[in-house]
Amino acid sequence: EREAREKVESERELRVQEAAVAIKQKYGKNALLKGMNFKSGATAKDRNAQIGGHKA
């Protein structure tokens, strides 16, 4: 029973990750971000716009 539950959970996680990748490929890196990335001082959105994480 435990193994079956873990298998279902791991398959679900794989589907979620595949969906996240598909969304980011279609709409860009900033399409999916965690809530903390919108706080004051967060850098994820800015880094995603840079080349290799560096200002160009």
C-alpha atoms as a PDB file:
ATOM      1  CA  GLU A   1       0.000   0.000   0.000  1.00  0.00           C
ATOM      2  CA  ARG A   2       2.789   2.435   0.913  1.00  0.00           C
ATOM      3  CA  GLU A   3       4.703   1.664  -2.279  1.00  0.00           C
ATOM      4  CA  ALA A   4       1.566   2.149  -4.370  1.00  0.00           C
ATOM      5  CA  ARG A   5       0.943   5.519  -2.708  1.00  0.00           C
ATOM      6  CA  GLU A   6       4.539   6.602  -3.320  1.00  0.00           C
ATOM      7  CA  LYS A   7       4.318   5.536  -6.970  1.00  0.00           C
ATOM      8  CA  VAL A   8       1.130   7.541  -7.484  1.00  0.00           C
ATOM      9  CA  GLU A   9       2.672  10.576  -5.783  1.00  0.00           C
ATOM     10  CA  SER A  10       5.853  10.352  -7.852  1.00  0.00           C
ATOM     11  CA  GLU A  11       3.844  10.042 -11.085  1.00  0.00           C
ATOM     12  CA  ARG A  12       1.791  13.077 -10.062  1.00  0.00           C
ATOM     13  CA  GLU A  13       4.948  15.075  -9.313  1.00  0.00           C
ATOM     14  CA  LEU A  14       6.362  14.129 -12.726  1.00  0.00           C
ATOM     15  CA  ARG A  15       3.189  15.369 -14.455  1.00  0.00           C
ATOM     16  CA  VAL A  16       3.345  18.645 -12.503  1.00  0.00           C
ATOM     17  CA  GLN A  17       7.001  19.168 -13.464  1.00  0.00           C
ATOM     18  CA  GLU A  18       6.291  18.383 -17.126  1.00  0.00           C
ATOM     19  CA  ALA A  19       3.406  20.865 -17.115  1.00  0.00           C
ATOM     20  CA  ALA A  20       5.626  23.535 -15.526  1.00  0.00           C
ATOM     21  CA  VAL A  21       8.296  23.021 -18.192  1.00  0.00           C
ATOM     22  CA  ALA A  22       5.703  23.218 -20.976  1.00  0.00           C
ATOM     23  CA  ILE A  23       4.256  26.463 -19.562  1.00  0.00           C
ATOM     24  CA  LYS A  24       7.711  28.035 -19.215  1.00  0.00           C
ATOM     25  CA  GLN A  25       8.650  27.013 -22.765  1.00  0.00           C
ATOM     26  CA  LYS A  26       5.454  28.501 -24.164  1.00  0.00           C
ATOM     27  CA  TYR A  27       5.167  31.668 -22.048  1.00  0.00           C
ATOM     28  CA  GLY A  28       8.717  32.317 -20.799  1.00  0.00           C
ATOM     29  CA  LYS A  29      10.675  31.813 -17.593  1.00  0.00           C
ATOM     30  CA  ASN A  30       8.621  34.335 -15.623  1.00  0.00           C
ATOM     31  CA  ALA A  31       5.337  32.527 -16.342  1.00  0.00           C
ATOM     32  CA  LEU A  32       5.652  30.460 -13.145  1.00  0.00           C
ATOM     33  CA  LEU A  33       7.297  31.925 -10.071  1.00  0.00           C
ATOM     34  CA  LYS A  34       6.923  31.322  -6.350  1.00  0.00           C
ATOM     35  CA  GLY A  35       5.171  33.986  -4.305  1.00  0.00           C
ATOM     36  CA  MET A  36       8.430  34.892  -2.581  1.00  0.00           C
ATOM     37  CA  ASN A  37       9.768  36.015  -5.977  1.00  0.00           C
ATOM     38  CA  PHE A  38       7.354  38.954  -5.895  1.00  0.00           C
ATOM     39  CA  LYS A  39       8.542  40.322  -2.558  1.00  0.00           C
ATOM     40  CA  SER A  40      10.517  43.525  -2.382  1.00  0.00           C
ATOM     41  CA  GLY A  41      14.160  42.801  -3.136  1.00  0.00           C
ATOM     42  CA  ALA A  42      13.490  39.528  -4.976  1.00  0.00           C
ATOM     43  CA  THR A  43      15.745  38.993  -7.971  1.00  0.00           C
ATOM     44  CA  ALA A  44      14.303  36.005  -9.867  1.00  0.00           C
ATOM     45  CA  LYS A  45      12.375  38.036 -12.450  1.00  0.00           C
ATOM     46  CA  ASP A  46      15.366  40.284 -13.112  1.00  0.00           C
ATOM     47  CA  ARG A  47      17.779  37.338 -13.354  1.00  0.00           C
ATOM     48  CA  ASN A  48      15.497  35.577 -15.831  1.00  0.00           C
ATOM     49  CA  ALA A  49      15.741  38.604 -18.131  1.00  0.00           C
ATOM     50  CA  GLN A  50      19.543  38.576 -18.053  1.00  0.00           C
ATOM     51  CA  ILE A  51      21.955  36.493 -20.093  1.00  0.00           C
ATOM     52  CA  GLY A  52      23.325  33.692 -17.925  1.00  0.00           C
ATOM     53  CA  GLY A  53      22.244  35.596 -14.804  1.00  0.00           C
ATOM     54  CA  HIS A  54      24.506  38.536 -15.654  1.00  0.00           C
ATOM     55  CA  LYS A  55      23.735  42.013 -16.900  1.00  0.00           C
ATOM     56  CA  ALA A  56      24.619  42.338 -20.555  1.00  0.00           C
END
